[in-house]
Amino acid sequence: MEPLHWWSQGDAVTQATALLLLAMSVASWVVVVWKLLFLRRARRDVVRCMAAFWQAPSLEAAQQTLASFDRGALVLPMVEAVRSVEENAPARSLGASGPLAQQLTRVLRGALHGALARLQFGQVLLATVGSTAPFVGLLGTVWGIYHALTAIAGAGQISIDRVAGPVGEALVMTAAGLAVAIPAVLAYNWFGREIGHIEADLEGFALDLRDWRASPPQG
């Protein structure tokens, strides 16, 4: 079965379904490649940033060091949030009127949510492709079989040879839907595990950072 022959025999619905599956496949693979590089770099950078922070002589020096280490902007925003609390300490506002631990919790939560949003980027697309691509392929198959049987019935002669070819071509859409969905599902699950590890490290660092600034060492 030649692709051009299959394409020319299909109607607008079949061609639109095939183009949709192609677009879903391209989009998911772009996200997969990007997230592979991003998460691999983020895993290393988070560990380096946390080690560099606790080895720094001051909060200001740590912020300058992290600016060159934290390429994904996952750890540095939390340090900047802590500094913003200290710089705005004299300000008269509802946010600055509460206990220091409460202020730190609020700003660190916002910075952590921003980091998690960057880590989760693309996960929705992978989940959507993984859950819908098989049904898109099935739609193409059903419509292709209907279109083929209608054409065969209009010819006036029905035989197994005349049915097998068009129906076999239509079933390719189901295989295409699975071929698009399976890599997306596998990538989604693997990325979810990696994101969970990084998220645990970031949450632990945020908790340590809040406790450290809320109860600074004396002397």
Protein backbone atom coordinates (compact mmCIF):
# COMPACT_ATOMS: atom_id res chain seq x y z
CA MET A 1 0.00 0.00 0.00
CA GLU A 2 1.61 3.23 -1.17
CA PRO A 3 1.05 6.29 1.05
CA LEU A 4 0.19 8.50 -1.92
CA HIS A 5 -2.35 6.00 -3.17
CA TRP A 6 -3.92 5.74 0.29
CA TRP A 7 -3.98 9.53 0.57
CA SER A 8 -5.61 10.00 -2.84
CA GLN A 9 -8.27 7.38 -2.08
CA GLY A 10 -9.27 8.99 1.22
CA ASP A 11 -11.85 11.72 1.53
CA ALA A 12 -11.61 14.98 3.49
CA VAL A 13 -12.43 13.35 6.84
CA THR A 14 -9.79 10.66 6.42
CA GLN A 15 -7.15 13.17 5.37
CA ALA A 16 -8.04 15.55 8.21
CA THR A 17 -7.77 12.70 10.72
CA ALA A 18 -4.38 11.69 9.36
CA LEU A 19 -3.13 15.29 9.54
CA LEU A 20 -4.40 15.59 13.10
CA LEU A 21 -2.53 12.45 14.13
CA LEU A 22 0.59 13.76 12.42
CA ALA A 23 0.31 17.09 14.26
CA MET A 24 -0.22 15.32 17.59
CA SER A 25 2.81 13.12 16.97
CA VAL A 26 5.08 16.03 16.04
CA ALA A 27 3.92 18.11 19.00
CA SER A 28 4.40 15.26 21.48
CA TRP A 29 7.87 14.41 20.21
CA VAL A 30 8.94 18.05 20.36
CA VAL A 31 7.81 18.16 23.99
CA VAL A 32 9.49 14.82 24.74
CA VAL A 33 12.87 15.93 23.38
CA TRP A 34 12.65 19.33 25.10
CA LYS A 35 11.66 17.86 28.46
CA LEU A 36 14.38 15.22 28.28
CA LEU A 37 16.99 17.95 27.98
CA PHE A 38 15.30 20.26 30.48
CA LEU A 39 14.77 17.68 33.23
CA ARG A 40 18.23 16.21 32.83
CA ARG A 41 19.73 19.67 33.24
CA ALA A 42 17.34 20.60 36.05
CA ARG A 43 18.21 17.50 38.08
CA ARG A 44 21.89 18.43 38.06
CA ASP A 45 21.33 22.16 38.55
CA VAL A 46 19.07 21.73 41.58
CA VAL A 47 21.63 19.59 43.37
CA ARG A 48 24.46 22.01 42.51
CA CYS A 49 22.42 25.03 43.53
CA MET A 50 21.49 23.64 46.92
CA ALA A 51 25.09 22.68 47.65
CA ALA A 52 26.36 26.07 46.48
CA PHE A 53 23.78 27.91 48.56
CA TRP A 54 24.71 26.31 51.86
CA GLN A 55 28.40 26.81 51.13
CA ALA A 56 28.01 30.52 50.37
CA PRO A 57 29.19 33.01 53.03
CA SER A 58 26.04 35.16 52.81
CA LEU A 59 22.61 35.32 51.25
CA GLU A 60 23.76 37.94 48.76
CA ALA A 61 26.74 35.84 47.69
CA ALA A 62 24.51 32.78 47.35
CA GLN A 63 22.14 34.69 45.09
CA GLN A 64 24.99 35.75 42.83
CA THR A 65 26.34 32.20 42.65
CA LEU A 66 22.96 30.67 41.89
CA ALA A 67 22.43 33.13 39.04
CA SER A 68 25.07 31.24 37.04
CA PHE A 69 24.08 27.74 38.19
CA ASP A 70 20.28 27.79 38.05
CA ARG A 71 19.65 27.75 34.30
CA GLY A 72 16.06 26.59 34.72
CA ALA A 73 15.17 29.25 37.33
CA LEU A 74 14.03 26.64 39.85
CA VAL A 75 16.02 27.51 42.99
CA LEU A 76 17.02 31.14 42.49
CA PRO A 77 13.44 32.53 42.69
CA MET A 78 13.11 31.13 46.21
CA VAL A 79 16.29 32.88 47.32
CA GLU A 80 15.11 36.10 45.70
CA ALA A 81 11.77 35.72 47.48
CA VAL A 82 13.51 35.46 50.85
CA ARG A 83 15.55 38.57 50.12
CA SER A 84 12.43 40.45 49.10
CA VAL A 85 10.90 39.74 52.51
CA GLU A 86 13.95 41.14 54.27
CA GLU A 87 14.18 44.23 52.04
CA ASN A 88 10.47 45.02 52.50
CA ALA A 89 10.48 44.35 56.23
CA PRO A 90 9.86 48.02 57.26
CA ALA A 91 6.99 48.41 54.79
CA ARG A 92 3.52 48.87 56.24
CA SER A 93 1.25 46.39 54.53
CA LEU A 94 -0.83 43.35 55.36
CA GLY A 95 1.81 41.10 53.87
CA ALA A 96 4.58 42.60 56.01
CA SER A 97 2.56 42.80 59.22
CA GLY A 98 2.49 39.07 59.98
CA PRO A 99 5.18 36.95 61.61
CA LEU A 100 8.36 36.44 59.64
CA ALA A 101 7.74 32.70 59.28
CA GLN A 102 4.33 33.40 57.76
CA GLN A 103 5.75 35.90 55.28
CA LEU A 104 8.46 33.47 54.26
CA THR A 105 5.95 30.67 53.82
CA ARG A 106 3.82 32.83 51.53
CA VAL A 107 6.61 34.04 49.25
CA LEU A 108 8.34 30.66 49.12
CA ARG A 109 5.06 28.98 48.23
CA GLY A 110 4.64 31.35 45.30
CA ALA A 111 8.21 30.78 44.10
CA LEU A 112 7.81 27.02 44.46
CA HIS A 113 4.58 27.03 42.47
CA GLY A 114 6.35 28.90 39.68
CA ALA A 115 9.15 26.34 39.62
CA LEU A 116 6.67 23.46 39.54
CA ALA A 117 4.78 25.11 36.68
CA ARG A 118 7.99 25.16 34.65
CA LEU A 119 8.66 21.52 35.49
CA GLN A 120 5.11 20.49 34.57
CA PHE A 121 5.14 22.33 31.24
CA GLY A 122 4.13 19.98 28.43
CA GLN A 123 2.66 17.30 30.69
CA VAL A 124 -0.90 18.27 29.78
CA LEU A 125 -0.13 17.95 26.09
CA LEU A 126 1.41 14.49 26.55
CA ALA A 127 -1.55 13.34 28.64
CA THR A 128 -3.99 14.68 26.05
CA VAL A 129 -2.20 13.01 23.15
CA GLY A 130 -1.87 9.74 25.03
CA SER A 131 -5.56 9.62 25.91
CA THR A 132 -7.10 10.90 22.68
CA ALA A 133 -4.85 9.65 19.86
CA PRO A 134 -6.24 6.07 19.92
CA PHE A 135 -9.77 7.41 19.59
CA VAL A 136 -8.76 9.73 16.75
CA GLY A 137 -7.23 6.75 14.99
CA LEU A 138 -10.35 4.70 15.65
CA LEU A 139 -12.48 7.47 14.19
CA GLY A 140 -10.36 7.40 11.05
CA THR A 141 -10.70 3.64 10.87
CA VAL A 142 -14.48 3.65 11.25
CA TRP A 143 -14.90 6.40 8.71
CA GLY A 144 -12.47 4.73 6.31
CA ILE A 145 -14.34 1.41 6.52
CA TYR A 146 -17.66 3.17 5.96
CA HIS A 147 -16.23 5.06 3.01
CA ALA A 148 -14.73 1.88 1.53
CA LEU A 149 -17.88 -0.22 1.95
CA THR A 150 -19.99 2.54 0.44
CA ALA A 151 -17.74 2.67 -2.60
CA ILE A 152 -17.76 -1.11 -2.94
CA ALA A 153 -21.55 -1.30 -2.60
CA GLY A 154 -21.91 1.35 -5.28
CA ALA A 155 -19.80 -0.75 -7.65
CA GLY A 156 -22.42 -3.51 -7.57
CA GLN A 157 -20.01 -6.36 -6.88
CA ILE A 158 -18.79 -7.39 -3.41
CA SER A 159 -16.03 -9.92 -2.89
CA ILE A 160 -13.42 -10.56 -0.25
CA ASP A 161 -10.73 -9.18 -2.52
CA ARG A 162 -12.57 -5.90 -3.01
CA VAL A 163 -13.27 -5.57 0.73
CA ALA A 164 -9.91 -6.63 2.18
CA GLY A 165 -7.85 -3.88 0.55
CA PRO A 166 -9.87 -0.80 1.56
CA VAL A 167 -10.66 -2.16 5.02
CA GLY A 168 -6.99 -3.01 5.60
CA GLU A 169 -6.03 0.52 4.59
CA ALA A 170 -8.60 1.92 7.01
CA LEU A 171 -7.25 -0.18 9.88
CA VAL A 172 -3.89 1.54 9.44
CA MET A 173 -5.47 4.56 11.16
CA THR A 174 -5.96 2.55 14.35
CA ALA A 175 -2.32 1.49 14.30
CA ALA A 176 -1.30 5.10 13.67
CA GLY A 177 -3.33 6.27 16.66
CA LEU A 178 -1.63 3.73 18.91
CA ALA A 179 1.79 4.63 17.51
CA VAL A 180 1.16 8.26 18.46
CA ALA A 181 -0.33 7.52 21.88
CA ILE A 182 2.07 4.93 23.29
CA PRO A 183 5.25 7.09 23.26
CA ALA A 184 3.30 10.00 24.76
CA VAL A 185 1.99 7.85 27.62
CA LEU A 186 5.40 6.34 28.35
CA ALA A 187 7.04 9.77 28.32
CA TYR A 188 4.33 11.23 30.54
CA ASN A 189 4.81 8.55 33.18
CA TRP A 190 8.61 8.76 33.13
CA PHE A 191 8.62 12.56 33.25
CA GLY A 192 6.14 12.46 36.12
CA ARG A 193 8.54 10.36 38.15
CA GLU A 194 11.48 12.64 37.40
CA ILE A 195 9.43 15.74 38.22
CA GLY A 196 8.41 14.13 41.52
CA HIS A 197 12.06 13.69 42.53
CA ILE A 198 12.93 17.29 41.67
CA GLU A 199 9.80 18.57 43.38
CA ALA A 200 10.72 16.74 46.59
CA ASP A 201 14.19 18.35 46.54
CA LEU A 202 12.72 21.82 45.96
CA GLU A 203 10.13 21.44 48.71
CA GLY A 204 12.80 20.28 51.15
CA PHE A 205 15.02 23.23 50.25
CA ALA A 206 12.13 25.67 50.64
CA LEU A 207 11.36 24.27 54.09
CA ASP A 208 15.00 24.48 55.17
CA LEU A 209 15.26 28.00 53.80
CA ARG A 210 12.17 29.16 55.67
CA ASP A 211 13.31 27.63 58.97
CA TRP A 212 16.77 29.13 58.56
CA ARG A 213 15.56 32.69 57.94
CA ALA A 214 12.76 32.52 60.48
CA SER A 215 15.18 31.45 63.19
CA PRO A 216 18.58 32.87 62.24
CA PRO A 217 21.57 31.74 64.30
CA GLN A 218 22.51 34.04 67.13
CA GLY A 219 25.87 35.67 67.31
